[in-house]
Protein backbone atom coordinates (compact mmCIF):
# COMPACT_ATOMS: atom_id res chain seq x y z
CA MET A 1 -105.26 196.07 -163.63
CA ARG A 2 -104.40 193.84 -160.70
CA VAL A 3 -101.94 190.94 -161.09
CA LEU A 4 -101.38 188.15 -158.59
CA PHE A 5 -97.99 186.55 -158.36
CA ILE A 6 -97.99 183.12 -156.61
CA THR A 7 -94.71 181.98 -155.19
CA GLU A 8 -92.95 180.63 -152.06
CA SER A 9 -89.44 180.46 -150.72
CA GLY A 10 -86.92 179.24 -153.38
CA PHE A 11 -88.21 181.37 -156.18
CA GLU A 12 -85.78 182.41 -158.90
CA ASP A 13 -85.04 185.98 -157.90
CA THR A 14 -84.82 187.42 -161.39
CA GLU A 15 -87.97 185.67 -162.54
CA LEU A 16 -90.02 187.32 -159.85
CA LEU A 17 -88.37 190.72 -159.50
CA CYS A 18 -87.89 191.74 -163.13
CA PRO A 19 -91.45 190.88 -164.12
CA LYS A 20 -92.88 192.48 -161.02
CA TYR A 21 -91.06 195.76 -161.57
CA ARG A 22 -91.79 195.73 -165.34
CA LEU A 23 -95.52 195.23 -164.69
CA GLU A 24 -95.51 197.98 -162.10
CA GLU A 25 -93.78 200.35 -164.63
CA GLU A 26 -96.70 199.64 -166.95
CA GLY A 27 -99.22 200.60 -164.23
CA PHE A 28 -100.33 197.15 -163.07
CA GLN A 29 -101.00 196.57 -159.31
CA VAL A 30 -98.97 193.59 -158.19
CA ASP A 31 -99.89 191.45 -155.17
CA ILE A 32 -97.78 188.57 -153.93
CA ALA A 33 -99.44 185.40 -152.53
CA ALA A 34 -97.70 182.38 -150.96
CA PRO A 35 -99.03 179.32 -149.14
CA GLU A 36 -98.61 181.47 -145.96
CA TRP A 37 -98.67 185.25 -145.54
CA GLY A 38 -95.26 186.86 -144.81
CA GLU A 39 -91.72 186.86 -146.00
CA VAL A 40 -90.45 184.50 -148.75
CA LYS A 41 -86.86 184.20 -149.69
CA GLY A 42 -85.50 183.81 -153.25
CA LYS A 43 -82.95 181.25 -154.41
CA ILE A 44 -80.07 183.76 -154.21
CA GLY A 45 -81.37 185.48 -151.04
CA TYR A 46 -83.68 188.39 -151.94
CA THR A 47 -86.62 188.53 -149.65
CA ILE A 48 -90.11 189.73 -150.65
CA SER A 49 -93.22 190.10 -148.63
CA ALA A 50 -96.29 188.00 -149.54
CA ASN A 51 -99.18 190.30 -148.75
CA LEU A 52 -101.64 187.47 -149.08
CA SER A 53 -101.85 183.78 -148.32
CA ILE A 54 -103.23 181.73 -151.18
CA ASP A 55 -106.19 180.84 -148.97
CA GLU A 56 -107.12 184.52 -148.66
CA ALA A 57 -106.82 185.32 -152.41
CA GLU A 58 -110.01 185.28 -154.45
CA PRO A 59 -109.54 184.60 -158.17
CA GLU A 60 -112.21 187.13 -159.17
CA ALA A 61 -110.21 189.93 -157.55
CA PHE A 62 -107.38 189.63 -160.07
CA ASP A 63 -107.14 190.40 -163.73
CA ALA A 64 -104.09 188.29 -164.45
CA LEU A 65 -101.93 185.62 -162.80
CA PHE A 66 -98.10 185.23 -162.88
CA ILE A 67 -96.09 182.28 -161.63
CA PRO A 68 -92.27 182.78 -161.40
CA GLY A 69 -89.93 179.90 -161.53
CA GLY A 70 -87.30 178.28 -159.38
CA LYS A 71 -87.78 175.40 -156.96
CA ALA A 72 -90.65 177.29 -155.37
CA ALA A 73 -92.82 176.48 -158.33
CA GLU A 74 -92.26 172.84 -157.83
CA LYS A 75 -93.16 173.19 -154.22
CA LEU A 76 -96.30 175.09 -155.13
CA THR A 77 -97.56 171.93 -157.03
CA MET A 78 -97.77 170.18 -153.68
CA HIS A 79 -100.28 172.69 -152.22
CA GLU A 80 -103.90 171.73 -152.99
CA SER A 81 -104.97 175.37 -152.30
CA VAL A 82 -102.65 176.59 -154.99
CA ILE A 83 -103.83 174.13 -157.54
CA ASP A 84 -107.54 174.91 -156.65
CA PHE A 85 -106.82 178.66 -157.08
CA VAL A 86 -105.16 178.13 -160.45
CA LYS A 87 -108.10 176.00 -161.68
CA LYS A 88 -110.65 178.59 -160.51
CA PHE A 89 -108.57 181.32 -162.19
CA ALA A 90 -108.43 179.39 -165.43
CA GLU A 91 -112.30 179.06 -165.41
CA LEU A 92 -112.47 182.87 -165.45
CA ASN A 93 -110.63 182.85 -168.79
CA ARG A 94 -108.16 185.59 -167.66
CA PRO A 95 -104.55 185.75 -168.75
CA MET A 96 -101.80 183.78 -167.07
CA ALA A 97 -97.99 183.76 -167.40
CA ALA A 98 -95.37 181.41 -166.06
CA ILE A 99 -91.63 181.06 -166.53
CA CYS A 100 -88.99 178.32 -165.94
CA HIS A 101 -90.55 175.80 -163.42
CA GLY A 102 -93.69 177.99 -163.17
CA PRO A 103 -95.54 176.19 -165.96
CA LEU A 104 -95.45 173.05 -163.77
CA VAL A 105 -98.12 174.73 -161.63
CA LEU A 106 -100.30 175.27 -164.67
CA ALA A 107 -99.66 171.69 -165.71
CA ALA A 108 -100.56 170.35 -162.26
CA ALA A 109 -103.84 172.31 -162.42
CA GLY A 110 -104.60 170.49 -165.73
CA ILE A 111 -104.86 173.55 -167.82
CA LEU A 112 -102.04 172.93 -170.21
CA LYS A 113 -103.54 169.85 -171.77
CA GLY A 114 -103.51 170.29 -175.58
CA LYS A 115 -101.91 173.75 -175.24
CA ARG A 116 -98.53 174.91 -176.55
CA ALA A 117 -96.07 175.83 -173.81
CA THR A 118 -92.50 176.07 -172.85
CA CYS A 119 -90.51 175.84 -169.56
CA TYR A 120 -87.02 175.19 -168.31
CA TYR A 121 -85.71 172.30 -170.43
CA LYS A 122 -85.01 169.93 -167.45
CA VAL A 123 -88.74 169.86 -166.59
CA SER A 124 -90.15 169.71 -170.12
CA ASP A 125 -91.05 166.03 -169.75
CA LYS A 126 -93.45 166.93 -166.95
CA LEU A 127 -95.25 169.40 -169.18
CA GLU A 128 -95.54 166.73 -171.90
CA GLU A 129 -96.85 164.15 -169.37
CA ALA A 130 -99.53 166.68 -168.50
CA GLY A 131 -100.58 166.81 -172.19
CA ALA A 132 -98.85 170.08 -173.19
CA ILE A 133 -97.26 170.57 -176.53
CA TYR A 134 -93.75 171.49 -175.51
CA GLU A 135 -91.79 174.05 -177.63
CA ASN A 136 -88.21 174.89 -176.82
CA THR A 137 -88.48 178.59 -177.67
CA PRO A 138 -87.95 181.76 -175.53
CA VAL A 139 -91.72 182.47 -175.29
CA VAL A 140 -94.89 180.68 -176.25
CA VAL A 141 -98.29 182.33 -176.35
CA ASP A 142 -101.33 180.03 -176.58
CA GLY A 143 -104.50 182.05 -176.20
CA LYS A 144 -104.23 183.82 -172.84
CA ILE A 145 -101.37 181.70 -171.54
CA VAL A 146 -97.77 182.98 -171.86
CA THR A 147 -94.92 180.71 -170.92
CA SER A 148 -91.09 181.07 -171.04
CA ARG A 149 -87.92 179.04 -170.26
CA GLN A 150 -85.40 181.00 -168.20
CA PRO A 151 -84.12 184.40 -167.07
CA SER A 152 -82.32 185.24 -170.31
CA ASP A 153 -85.70 185.06 -172.02
CA ILE A 154 -87.33 187.67 -169.76
CA PRO A 155 -87.14 190.63 -172.32
CA LYS A 156 -89.08 188.68 -175.03
CA PHE A 157 -91.34 187.08 -172.42
CA MET A 158 -92.30 190.32 -170.74
CA LYS A 159 -93.10 191.92 -174.08
CA GLU A 160 -95.66 189.17 -174.68
CA VAL A 161 -96.88 189.10 -171.07
CA ILE A 162 -97.66 192.81 -171.18
CA ARG A 163 -99.39 192.52 -174.62
CA VAL A 164 -101.58 189.63 -173.47
CA PHE A 165 -102.29 191.09 -170.02
CA LYS A 166 -103.45 194.34 -171.68
CA SER A 167 -105.58 192.76 -174.35
């Protein structure tokens, strides 16, 4: 299975790296896309290479989508190409996961309306404004969408992400 992570500079390091490595341990192929191809730097300084620009990524080429958090996710909501990609991916009815600020990207794409979701508590109002039913719990699964709040939730989050991605 092929999973696409969408991010940019300012990502929350643990929310990208821990899930990436955990998915790779399970045998998933992980690709990283950013608004532009090349190096992106995490909040605490870890650098990762985006092997695709979001404009090059084709939704049909991926089995699942993952959006890590941090300020990068808020910046991603400003890129029309990212929002278009997420909308197209949602139309394929494939699994998606987002943590911390990551659910803001799903909300900006209009796919959380009427869905249960969680996120970092300081941005929960933005999810509710987008029509999501906010739950302050470590992980929320609504159909094929898995959301989580913060780094400390990663063990519970990844258990559900792997389950949903494999189903």
